[in-house]
Every structure is written in C-alpha cells, then in structure tokens.
Amino acid sequence: PAGAYFWFLTYADPTGTTVVAGPYPFTVVAPTRPTGVFAVSP
C-alpha cells in the first residue's frame, strides 16, 4: 500500500556472522488511473 517504508538486507558472511545492511527509507506512491481509456464500439 502507499506509504513510508524501510528495507534491510541480511546475510551471513564467511564466518557465519549475521550482517545487516540498512535501513534504507523509501516511499511507495499510489498509482494513478490512466486517462484516455474507453470503449468505442459496439
């Protein structure tokens, strides 16, 4: 849904240690209805 979010990356390095990359803030923008769409015929 539209709104503000954060995302993270986690992985294990060669020693088995959990690594966390982030947080990275981003915003999801609601899509807008396309214009110029309509039935013509019949």
PDB file of all heavy atoms in Angstrom:
ATOM      1  N   PRO A   1       0.838  -1.202   0.000  1.00  0.00           N
ATOM      2  CA  PRO A   1       0.000   0.000   0.000  1.00  0.00           C
ATOM      3  C   PRO A   1       0.874   1.253   0.000  1.00  0.00           C
ATOM      4  O   PRO A   1       2.037   1.220   0.423  1.00  0.00           O
ATOM      5  CB  PRO A   1      -0.797  -0.123   1.308  1.00  0.00           C
ATOM      6  CG  PRO A   1      -0.686  -1.552   1.707  1.00  0.00           C
ATOM      7  CD  PRO A   1       0.639  -2.023   1.203  1.00  0.00           C
ATOM      8  N   ALA A   2       0.325   2.345  -0.481  1.00  0.00           N
ATOM      9  CA  ALA A   2       1.077   3.600  -0.477  1.00  0.00           C
ATOM     10  C   ALA A   2       1.470   3.961   0.953  1.00  0.00           C
ATOM     11  O   ALA A   2       0.714   3.741   1.902  1.00  0.00           O
ATOM     12  CB  ALA A   2       0.233   4.713  -1.091  1.00  0.00           C
ATOM     13  N   GLY A   3       2.688   4.505   1.115  1.00  0.00           N
ATOM     14  CA  GLY A   3       3.150   4.885   2.445  1.00  0.00           C
ATOM     15  C   GLY A   3       4.661   4.880   2.541  1.00  0.00           C
ATOM     16  O   GLY A   3       5.372   4.656   1.544  1.00  0.00           O
ATOM     17  N   ALA A   4       5.177   5.133   3.757  1.00  0.00           N
ATOM     18  CA  ALA A   4       6.620   5.188   4.011  1.00  0.00           C
ATOM     19  C   ALA A   4       7.097   3.852   4.562  1.00  0.00           C
ATOM     20  O   ALA A   4       6.448   3.255   5.432  1.00  0.00           O
ATOM     21  CB  ALA A   4       6.940   6.305   4.990  1.00  0.00           C
ATOM     22  N   TYR A   5       8.244   3.368   4.066  1.00  0.00           N
ATOM     23  CA  TYR A   5       8.785   2.071   4.465  1.00  0.00           C
ATOM     24  C   TYR A   5      10.305   2.161   4.623  1.00  0.00           C
ATOM     25  O   TYR A   5      10.959   3.139   4.210  1.00  0.00           O
ATOM     26  CB  TYR A   5       8.457   1.005   3.414  1.00  0.00           C
ATOM     27  CG  TYR A   5       6.985   0.735   3.237  1.00  0.00           C
ATOM     28  CD1 TYR A   5       6.235   1.453   2.297  1.00  0.00           C
ATOM     29  CD2 TYR A   5       6.332  -0.234   3.995  1.00  0.00           C
ATOM     30  CE1 TYR A   5       4.879   1.205   2.129  1.00  0.00           C
ATOM     31  CE2 TYR A   5       4.977  -0.486   3.826  1.00  0.00           C
ATOM     32  CZ  TYR A   5       4.264   0.229   2.893  1.00  0.00           C
ATOM     33  OH  TYR A   5       2.933  -0.009   2.721  1.00  0.00           O
ATOM     34  N   PHE A   6      10.850   1.106   5.205  1.00  0.00           N
ATOM     35  CA  PHE A   6      12.295   0.902   5.290  1.00  0.00           C
ATOM     36  C   PHE A   6      12.572  -0.517   4.804  1.00  0.00           C
ATOM     37  O   PHE A   6      11.764  -1.422   5.008  1.00  0.00           O
ATOM     38  CB  PHE A   6      12.793   1.046   6.736  1.00  0.00           C
ATOM     39  CG  PHE A   6      12.570   2.400   7.325  1.00  0.00           C
ATOM     40  CD1 PHE A   6      11.357   2.727   7.909  1.00  0.00           C
ATOM     41  CD2 PHE A   6      13.578   3.365   7.291  1.00  0.00           C
ATOM     42  CE1 PHE A   6      11.143   3.983   8.455  1.00  0.00           C
ATOM     43  CE2 PHE A   6      13.370   4.625   7.834  1.00  0.00           C
ATOM     44  CZ  PHE A   6      12.156   4.940   8.418  1.00  0.00           C
ATOM     45  N   TRP A   7      13.748  -0.687   4.179  1.00  0.00           N
ATOM     46  CA  TRP A   7      14.122  -2.050   3.825  1.00  0.00           C
ATOM     47  C   TRP A   7      15.543  -2.345   4.264  1.00  0.00           C
ATOM     48  O   TRP A   7      16.374  -1.445   4.372  1.00  0.00           O
ATOM     49  CB  TRP A   7      13.911  -2.335   2.343  1.00  0.00           C
ATOM     50  CG  TRP A   7      14.854  -1.691   1.356  1.00  0.00           C
ATOM     51  CD1 TRP A   7      14.837  -0.415   0.902  1.00  0.00           C
ATOM     52  CD2 TRP A   7      15.925  -2.352   0.676  1.00  0.00           C
ATOM     53  NE1 TRP A   7      15.830  -0.203  -0.027  1.00  0.00           N
ATOM     54  CE2 TRP A   7      16.521  -1.381  -0.181  1.00  0.00           C
ATOM     55  CE3 TRP A   7      16.456  -3.639   0.692  1.00  0.00           C
ATOM     56  CZ2 TRP A   7      17.613  -1.667  -0.997  1.00  0.00           C
ATOM     57  CZ3 TRP A   7      17.538  -3.931  -0.130  1.00  0.00           C
ATOM     58  CH2 TRP A   7      18.102  -2.959  -0.966  1.00  0.00           C
ATOM     59  N   PHE A   8      15.796  -3.616   4.560  1.00  0.00           N
ATOM     60  CA  PHE A   8      17.083  -4.077   5.067  1.00  0.00           C
ATOM     61  C   PHE A   8      17.525  -5.292   4.246  1.00  0.00           C
ATOM     62  O   PHE A   8      16.706  -6.034   3.702  1.00  0.00           O
ATOM     63  CB  PHE A   8      16.967  -4.551   6.524  1.00  0.00           C
ATOM     64  CG  PHE A   8      16.324  -3.578   7.467  1.00  0.00           C
ATOM     65  CD1 PHE A   8      14.943  -3.426   7.507  1.00  0.00           C
ATOM     66  CD2 PHE A   8      17.094  -2.825   8.339  1.00  0.00           C
ATOM     67  CE1 PHE A   8      14.337  -2.544   8.384  1.00  0.00           C
ATOM     68  CE2 PHE A   8      16.499  -1.947   9.225  1.00  0.00           C
ATOM     69  CZ  PHE A   8      15.121  -1.800   9.254  1.00  0.00           C
ATOM     70  N   LEU A   9      18.823  -5.497   4.228  1.00  0.00           N
ATOM     71  CA  LEU A   9      19.396  -6.723   3.679  1.00  0.00           C
ATOM     72  C   LEU A   9      20.119  -7.450   4.801  1.00  0.00           C
ATOM     73  O   LEU A   9      20.931  -6.844   5.504  1.00  0.00           O
ATOM     74  CB  LEU A   9      20.374  -6.419   2.544  1.00  0.00           C
ATOM     75  CG  LEU A   9      21.275  -7.584   2.105  1.00  0.00           C
ATOM     76  CD1 LEU A   9      20.431  -8.690   1.461  1.00  0.00           C
ATOM     77  CD2 LEU A   9      22.370  -7.109   1.164  1.00  0.00           C
ATOM     78  N   THR A  10      19.824  -8.728   5.012  1.00  0.00           N
ATOM     79  CA  THR A  10      20.595  -9.541   5.945  1.00  0.00           C
ATOM     80  C   THR A  10      21.218 -10.696   5.179  1.00  0.00           C
ATOM     81  O   THR A  10      20.660 -11.190   4.189  1.00  0.00           O
ATOM     82  CB  THR A  10      19.717 -10.107   7.079  1.00  0.00           C
ATOM     83  OG1 THR A  10      18.722 -10.962   6.528  1.00  0.00           O
ATOM     84  CG2 THR A  10      19.049  -8.988   7.870  1.00  0.00           C
ATOM     85  N   TYR A  11      22.413 -11.103   5.621  1.00  0.00           N
ATOM     86  CA  TYR A  11      23.094 -12.246   5.024  1.00  0.00           C
ATOM     87  C   TYR A  11      24.129 -12.752   6.021  1.00  0.00           C
ATOM     88  O   TYR A  11      24.408 -12.108   7.048  1.00  0.00           O
ATOM     89  CB  TYR A  11      23.753 -11.878   3.693  1.00  0.00           C
ATOM     90  CG  TYR A  11      24.827 -10.818   3.798  1.00  0.00           C
ATOM     91  CD1 TYR A  11      26.172 -11.177   3.951  1.00  0.00           C
ATOM     92  CD2 TYR A  11      24.513  -9.468   3.751  1.00  0.00           C
ATOM     93  CE1 TYR A  11      27.167 -10.212   4.061  1.00  0.00           C
ATOM     94  CE2 TYR A  11      25.500  -8.495   3.856  1.00  0.00           C
ATOM     95  CZ  TYR A  11      26.820  -8.876   4.012  1.00  0.00           C
ATOM     96  OH  TYR A  11      27.802  -7.920   4.115  1.00  0.00           O
ATOM     97  N   ALA A  12      24.688 -13.927   5.758  1.00  0.00           N
ATOM     98  CA  ALA A  12      25.747 -14.489   6.598  1.00  0.00           C
ATOM     99  C   ALA A  12      27.077 -14.356   5.876  1.00  0.00           C
ATOM    100  O   ALA A  12      27.191 -14.740   4.708  1.00  0.00           O
ATOM    101  CB  ALA A  12      25.448 -15.951   6.914  1.00  0.00           C
ATOM    102  N   ASP A  13      28.091 -13.784   6.583  1.00  0.00           N
ATOM    103  CA  ASP A  13      29.417 -13.673   5.978  1.00  0.00           C
ATOM    104  C   ASP A  13      30.148 -15.013   6.109  1.00  0.00           C
ATOM    105  O   ASP A  13      29.616 -15.972   6.695  1.00  0.00           O
ATOM    106  CB  ASP A  13      30.189 -12.502   6.596  1.00  0.00           C
ATOM    107  CG  ASP A  13      30.573 -12.745   8.047  1.00  0.00           C
ATOM    108  OD1 ASP A  13      30.432 -13.889   8.522  1.00  0.00           O
ATOM    109  OD2 ASP A  13      31.005 -11.781   8.715  1.00  0.00           O
ATOM    110  N   PRO A  14      31.369 -15.121   5.578  1.00  0.00           N
ATOM    111  CA  PRO A  14      32.070 -16.423   5.612  1.00  0.00           C
ATOM    112  C   PRO A  14      32.276 -16.985   7.010  1.00  0.00           C
ATOM    113  O   PRO A  14      32.459 -18.195   7.166  1.00  0.00           O
ATOM    114  CB  PRO A  14      33.397 -16.104   4.925  1.00  0.00           C
ATOM    115  CG  PRO A  14      33.086 -14.967   4.012  1.00  0.00           C
ATOM    116  CD  PRO A  14      32.092 -14.138   4.760  1.00  0.00           C
ATOM    117  N   THR A  15      32.233 -16.138   8.037  1.00  0.00           N
ATOM    118  CA  THR A  15      32.419 -16.634   9.406  1.00  0.00           C
ATOM    119  C   THR A  15      31.109 -17.094  10.024  1.00  0.00           C
ATOM    120  O   THR A  15      31.079 -17.565  11.155  1.00  0.00           O
ATOM    121  CB  THR A  15      33.041 -15.539  10.292  1.00  0.00           C
ATOM    122  OG1 THR A  15      32.076 -14.496  10.492  1.00  0.00           O
ATOM    123  CG2 THR A  15      34.317 -14.978   9.657  1.00  0.00           C
ATOM    124  N   GLY A  16      29.978 -16.933   9.284  1.00  0.00           N
ATOM    125  CA  GLY A  16      28.692 -17.283   9.823  1.00  0.00           C
ATOM    126  C   GLY A  16      28.023 -16.168  10.593  1.00  0.00           C
ATOM    127  O   GLY A  16      26.952 -16.344  11.163  1.00  0.00           O
ATOM    128  N   THR A  17      28.645 -14.991  10.625  1.00  0.00           N
ATOM    129  CA  THR A  17      28.089 -13.851  11.340  1.00  0.00           C
ATOM    130  C   THR A  17      26.961 -13.213  10.528  1.00  0.00           C
ATOM    131  O   THR A  17      27.083 -13.031   9.314  1.00  0.00           O
ATOM    132  CB  THR A  17      29.180 -12.788  11.594  1.00  0.00           C
ATOM    133  OG1 THR A  17      30.225 -13.385  12.342  1.00  0.00           O
ATOM    134  CG2 THR A  17      28.610 -11.590  12.345  1.00  0.00           C
ATOM    135  N   THR A  18      25.863 -12.897  11.196  1.00  0.00           N
ATOM    136  CA  THR A  18      24.758 -12.225  10.523  1.00  0.00           C
ATOM    137  C   THR A  18      25.110 -10.761  10.300  1.00  0.00           C
ATOM    138  O   THR A  18      25.492 -10.047  11.229  1.00  0.00           O
ATOM    139  CB  THR A  18      23.477 -12.309  11.360  1.00  0.00           C
ATOM    140  OG1 THR A  18      23.109 -13.685  11.492  1.00  0.00           O
ATOM    141  CG2 THR A  18      22.334 -11.554  10.679  1.00  0.00           C
ATOM    142  N   VAL A  19      24.982 -10.346   9.072  1.00  0.00           N
ATOM    143  CA  VAL A  19      25.292  -8.970   8.689  1.00  0.00           C
ATOM    144  C   VAL A  19      23.988  -8.278   8.288  1.00  0.00           C
ATOM    145  O   VAL A  19      23.160  -8.868   7.595  1.00  0.00           O
ATOM    146  CB  VAL A  19      26.293  -8.922   7.515  1.00  0.00           C
ATOM    147  CG1 VAL A  19      26.638  -7.481   7.166  1.00  0.00           C
ATOM    148  CG2 VAL A  19      27.544  -9.698   7.867  1.00  0.00           C
ATOM    149  N   VAL A  20      23.798  -7.044   8.739  1.00  0.00           N
ATOM    150  CA  VAL A  20      22.605  -6.275   8.412  1.00  0.00           C
ATOM    151  C   VAL A  20      23.018  -5.029   7.630  1.00  0.00           C
ATOM    152  O   VAL A  20      23.844  -4.238   8.112  1.00  0.00           O
ATOM    153  CB  VAL A  20      21.833  -5.849   9.672  1.00  0.00           C
ATOM    154  CG1 VAL A  20      20.574  -5.082   9.280  1.00  0.00           C
ATOM    155  CG2 VAL A  20      21.482  -7.058  10.516  1.00  0.00           C
ATOM    156  N   ALA A  21      22.475  -4.855   6.445  1.00  0.00           N
ATOM    157  CA  ALA A  21      22.709  -3.652   5.650  1.00  0.00           C
ATOM    158  C   ALA A  21      21.416  -2.854   5.605  1.00  0.00           C
ATOM    159  O   ALA A  21      20.375  -3.382   5.251  1.00  0.00           O
ATOM    160  CB  ALA A  21      23.156  -4.023   4.242  1.00  0.00           C
ATOM    161  N   GLY A  22      21.488  -1.609   5.988  1.00  0.00           N
ATOM    162  CA  GLY A  22      20.301  -0.785   6.031  1.00  0.00           C
ATOM    163  C   GLY A  22      20.168  -0.130   7.387  1.00  0.00           C
ATOM    164  O   GLY A  22      21.094  -0.216   8.208  1.00  0.00           O
ATOM    165  N   PRO A  23      19.058   0.505   7.712  1.00  0.00           N
ATOM    166  CA  PRO A  23      17.831   0.563   6.906  1.00  0.00           C
ATOM    167  C   PRO A  23      17.895   1.599   5.797  1.00  0.00           C
ATOM    168  O   PRO A  23      18.606   2.600   5.917  1.00  0.00           O
ATOM    169  CB  PRO A  23      16.774   0.948   7.932  1.00  0.00           C
ATOM    170  CG  PRO A  23      17.514   1.812   8.901  1.00  0.00           C
ATOM    171  CD  PRO A  23      18.884   1.207   9.007  1.00  0.00           C
ATOM    172  N   TYR A  24      17.146   1.358   4.716  1.00  0.00           N
ATOM    173  CA  TYR A  24      17.052   2.280   3.596  1.00  0.00           C
ATOM    174  C   TYR A  24      15.612   2.772   3.510  1.00  0.00           C
ATOM    175  O   TYR A  24      14.698   1.981   3.228  1.00  0.00           O
ATOM    176  CB  TYR A  24      17.424   1.583   2.285  1.00  0.00           C
ATOM    177  CG  TYR A  24      18.711   0.805   2.349  1.00  0.00           C
ATOM    178  CD1 TYR A  24      18.710  -0.569   2.129  1.00  0.00           C
ATOM    179  CD2 TYR A  24      19.913   1.441   2.628  1.00  0.00           C
ATOM    180  CE1 TYR A  24      19.887  -1.294   2.172  1.00  0.00           C
ATOM    181  CE2 TYR A  24      21.091   0.725   2.685  1.00  0.00           C
ATOM    182  CZ  TYR A  24      21.091  -0.642   2.458  1.00  0.00           C
ATOM    183  OH  TYR A  24      22.258  -1.353   2.515  1.00  0.00           O
ATOM    184  N   PRO A  25      15.365   4.037   3.765  1.00  0.00           N
ATOM    185  CA  PRO A  25      13.987   4.536   3.683  1.00  0.00           C
ATOM    186  C   PRO A  25      13.542   4.704   2.226  1.00  0.00           C
ATOM    187  O   PRO A  25      14.332   5.072   1.359  1.00  0.00           O
ATOM    188  CB  PRO A  25      14.066   5.888   4.389  1.00  0.00           C
ATOM    189  CG  PRO A  25      15.489   6.330   4.193  1.00  0.00           C
ATOM    190  CD  PRO A  25      16.328   5.076   4.204  1.00  0.00           C
ATOM    191  N   PHE A  26      12.284   4.388   1.967  1.00  0.00           N
ATOM    192  CA  PHE A  26      11.712   4.636   0.634  1.00  0.00           C
ATOM    193  C   PHE A  26      10.213   4.844   0.790  1.00  0.00           C
ATOM    194  O   PHE A  26       9.622   4.500   1.818  1.00  0.00           O
ATOM    195  CB  PHE A  26      12.019   3.497  -0.342  1.00  0.00           C
ATOM    196  CG  PHE A  26      11.297   2.210  -0.063  1.00  0.00           C
ATOM    197  CD1 PHE A  26      10.188   1.829  -0.800  1.00  0.00           C
ATOM    198  CD2 PHE A  26      11.733   1.365   0.947  1.00  0.00           C
ATOM    199  CE1 PHE A  26       9.518   0.638  -0.546  1.00  0.00           C
ATOM    200  CE2 PHE A  26      11.073   0.161   1.203  1.00  0.00           C
ATOM    201  CZ  PHE A  26       9.966  -0.198   0.463  1.00  0.00           C
ATOM    202  N   THR A  27       9.615   5.422  -0.238  1.00  0.00           N
ATOM    203  CA  THR A  27       8.184   5.732  -0.198  1.00  0.00           C
ATOM    204  C   THR A  27       7.478   5.057  -1.357  1.00  0.00           C
ATOM    205  O   THR A  27       7.939   5.123  -2.504  1.00  0.00           O
ATOM    206  CB  THR A  27       7.959   7.257  -0.273  1.00  0.00           C
ATOM    207  OG1 THR A  27       8.629   7.883   0.819  1.00  0.00           O
ATOM    208  CG2 THR A  27       6.473   7.581  -0.208  1.00  0.00           C
ATOM    209  N   VAL A  28       6.379   4.391  -1.056  1.00  0.00           N
ATOM    210  CA  VAL A  28       5.539   3.787  -2.098  1.00  0.00           C
ATOM    211  C   VAL A  28       4.447   4.781  -2.468  1.00  0.00           C
ATOM    212  O   VAL A  28       3.704   5.255  -1.600  1.00  0.00           O
ATOM    213  CB  VAL A  28       4.916   2.467  -1.607  1.00  0.00           C
ATOM    214  CG1 VAL A  28       3.905   1.952  -2.628  1.00  0.00           C
ATOM    215  CG2 VAL A  28       6.000   1.432  -1.359  1.00  0.00           C
ATOM    216  N   VAL A  29       4.388   5.110  -3.727  1.00  0.00           N
ATOM    217  CA  VAL A  29       3.426   6.091  -4.223  1.00  0.00           C
ATOM    218  C   VAL A  29       2.253   5.349  -4.870  1.00  0.00           C
ATOM    219  O   VAL A  29       2.452   4.433  -5.676  1.00  0.00           O
ATOM    220  CB  VAL A  29       4.083   7.042  -5.251  1.00  0.00           C
ATOM    221  CG1 VAL A  29       3.071   8.036  -5.791  1.00  0.00           C
ATOM    222  CG2 VAL A  29       5.265   7.762  -4.613  1.00  0.00           C
ATOM    223  N   ALA A  30       1.048   5.726  -4.506  1.00  0.00           N
ATOM    224  CA  ALA A  30      -0.138   5.095  -5.074  1.00  0.00           C
ATOM    225  C   ALA A  30      -0.201   5.358  -6.575  1.00  0.00           C
ATOM    226  O   ALA A  30       0.028   6.494  -7.026  1.00  0.00           O
ATOM    227  CB  ALA A  30      -1.392   5.623  -4.399  1.00  0.00           C
ATOM    228  N   PRO A  31      -0.482   4.325  -7.374  1.00  0.00           N
ATOM    229  CA  PRO A  31      -0.584   4.535  -8.824  1.00  0.00           C
ATOM    230  C   PRO A  31      -1.819   5.364  -9.169  1.00  0.00           C
ATOM    231  O   PRO A  31      -2.799   5.380  -8.434  1.00  0.00           O
ATOM    232  CB  PRO A  31      -0.709   3.108  -9.377  1.00  0.00           C
ATOM    233  CG  PRO A  31      -1.283   2.323  -8.244  1.00  0.00           C
ATOM    234  CD  PRO A  31      -0.739   2.938  -6.987  1.00  0.00           C
ATOM    235  N   THR A  32      -1.754   6.046 -10.274  1.00  0.00           N
ATOM    236  CA  THR A  32      -2.878   6.872 -10.720  1.00  0.00           C
ATOM    237  C   THR A  32      -3.563   6.205 -11.916  1.00  0.00           C
ATOM    238  O   THR A  32      -2.909   5.591 -12.763  1.00  0.00           O
ATOM    239  CB  THR A  32      -2.416   8.279 -11.126  1.00  0.00           C
ATOM    240  OG1 THR A  32      -1.407   8.173 -12.140  1.00  0.00           O
ATOM    241  CG2 THR A  32      -1.831   8.996  -9.916  1.00  0.00           C
ATOM    242  N   ARG A  33      -4.853   6.313 -11.940  1.00  0.00           N
ATOM    243  CA  ARG A  33      -5.655   5.689 -13.005  1.00  0.00           C
ATOM    244  C   ARG A  33      -5.300   6.288 -14.365  1.00  0.00           C
ATOM    245  O   ARG A  33      -5.304   7.515 -14.523  1.00  0.00           O
ATOM    246  CB  ARG A  33      -7.136   5.902 -12.703  1.00  0.00           C
ATOM    247  CG  ARG A  33      -8.101   5.141 -13.595  1.00  0.00           C
ATOM    248  CD  ARG A  33      -9.532   5.473 -13.205  1.00  0.00           C
ATOM    249  NE  ARG A  33     -10.509   4.695 -13.929  1.00  0.00           N
ATOM    250  CZ  ARG A  33     -11.011   3.539 -13.526  1.00  0.00           C
ATOM    251  NH1 ARG A  33     -10.631   3.041 -12.360  1.00  0.00           N
ATOM    252  NH2 ARG A  33     -11.906   2.876 -14.240  1.00  0.00           N
ATOM    253  N   PRO A  34      -4.976   5.455 -15.363  1.00  0.00           N
ATOM    254  CA  PRO A  34      -4.634   6.001 -16.685  1.00  0.00           C
ATOM    255  C   PRO A  34      -5.813   6.766 -17.289  1.00  0.00           C
ATOM    256  O   PRO A  34      -6.974   6.418 -17.078  1.00  0.00           O
ATOM    257  CB  PRO A  34      -4.311   4.754 -17.509  1.00  0.00           C
ATOM    258  CG  PRO A  34      -4.038   3.683 -16.509  1.00  0.00           C
ATOM    259  CD  PRO A  34      -4.878   3.998 -15.322  1.00  0.00           C
ATOM    260  N   THR A  35      -5.502   7.799 -18.022  1.00  0.00           N
ATOM    261  CA  THR A  35      -6.534   8.569 -18.725  1.00  0.00           C
ATOM    262  C   THR A  35      -6.571   8.140 -20.191  1.00  0.00           C
ATOM    263  O   THR A  35      -5.624   7.549 -20.704  1.00  0.00           O
ATOM    264  CB  THR A  35      -6.254  10.074 -18.631  1.00  0.00           C
ATOM    265  OG1 THR A  35      -4.961  10.334 -19.206  1.00  0.00           O
ATOM    266  CG2 THR A  35      -6.270  10.538 -17.184  1.00  0.00           C
ATOM    267  N   GLY A  36      -7.662   8.453 -20.847  1.00  0.00           N
ATOM    268  CA  GLY A  36      -7.782   8.137 -22.269  1.00  0.00           C
ATOM    269  C   GLY A  36      -8.135   6.689 -22.541  1.00  0.00           C
ATOM    270  O   GLY A  36      -7.848   6.173 -23.625  1.00  0.00           O
ATOM    271  N   VAL A  37      -8.759   6.021 -21.565  1.00  0.00           N
ATOM    272  CA  VAL A  37      -9.184   4.635 -21.759  1.00  0.00           C
ATOM    273  C   VAL A  37     -10.710   4.603 -21.827  1.00  0.00           C
ATOM    274  O   VAL A  37     -11.384   5.037 -20.902  1.00  0.00           O
ATOM    275  CB  VAL A  37      -8.706   3.731 -20.605  1.00  0.00           C
ATOM    276  CG1 VAL A  37      -9.191   2.306 -20.816  1.00  0.00           C
ATOM    277  CG2 VAL A  37      -7.193   3.769 -20.483  1.00  0.00           C
ATOM    278  N   PHE A  38     -11.253   4.095 -22.930  1.00  0.00           N
ATOM    279  CA  PHE A  38     -12.706   3.968 -23.030  1.00  0.00           C
ATOM    280  C   PHE A  38     -13.064   3.021 -24.176  1.00  0.00           C
ATOM    281  O   PHE A  38     -12.300   2.847 -25.137  1.00  0.00           O
ATOM    282  CB  PHE A  38     -13.383   5.327 -23.242  1.00  0.00           C
ATOM    283  CG  PHE A  38     -12.829   6.137 -24.386  1.00  0.00           C
ATOM    284  CD1 PHE A  38     -13.332   5.996 -25.675  1.00  0.00           C
ATOM    285  CD2 PHE A  38     -11.811   7.057 -24.169  1.00  0.00           C
ATOM    286  CE1 PHE A  38     -12.827   6.755 -26.728  1.00  0.00           C
ATOM    287  CE2 PHE A  38     -11.302   7.817 -25.206  1.00  0.00           C
ATOM    288  CZ  PHE A  38     -11.809   7.666 -26.499  1.00  0.00           C
ATOM    289  N   ALA A  39     -14.217   2.367 -24.019  1.00  0.00           N
ATOM    290  CA  ALA A  39     -14.743   1.512 -25.077  1.00  0.00           C
ATOM    291  C   ALA A  39     -15.293   2.382 -26.203  1.00  0.00           C
ATOM    292  O   ALA A  39     -15.880   3.441 -25.948  1.00  0.00           O
ATOM    293  CB  ALA A  39     -15.825   0.601 -24.523  1.00  0.00           C
ATOM    294  N   VAL A  40     -15.120   1.938 -27.448  1.00  0.00           N
ATOM    295  CA  VAL A  40     -15.583   2.707 -28.607  1.00  0.00           C
ATOM    296  C   VAL A  40     -16.813   2.038 -29.224  1.00  0.00           C
ATOM    297  O   VAL A  40     -17.886   2.623 -29.303  1.00  0.00           O
ATOM    298  CB  VAL A  40     -14.460   2.866 -29.643  1.00  0.00           C
ATOM    299  CG1 VAL A  40     -14.978   3.595 -30.886  1.00  0.00           C
ATOM    300  CG2 VAL A  40     -13.274   3.614 -29.033  1.00  0.00           C
ATOM    301  N   SER A  41     -16.665   0.798 -29.663  1.00  0.00           N
ATOM    302  CA  SER A  41     -17.791   0.102 -30.283  1.00  0.00           C
ATOM    303  C   SER A  41     -17.617  -1.408 -30.108  1.00  0.00           C
ATOM    304  O   SER A  41     -16.487  -1.876 -29.913  1.00  0.00           O
ATOM    305  CB  SER A  41     -17.892   0.459 -31.773  1.00  0.00           C
ATOM    306  OG  SER A  41     -16.781  -0.073 -32.488  1.00  0.00           O
ATOM    307  N   PRO A  42     -18.723  -2.150 -30.159  1.00  0.00           N
ATOM    308  CA  PRO A  42     -20.105  -1.722 -30.380  1.00  0.00           C
ATOM    309  C   PRO A  42     -20.676  -1.006 -29.162  1.00  0.00           C
ATOM    310  O   PRO A  42     -20.176  -1.159 -28.044  1.00  0.00           O
ATOM    311  CB  PRO A  42     -20.840  -3.045 -30.629  1.00  0.00           C
ATOM    312  CG  PRO A  42     -20.035  -4.053 -29.877  1.00  0.00           C
ATOM    313  CD  PRO A  42     -18.617  -3.614 -29.997  1.00  0.00           C
TER     314      PRO A  42
END
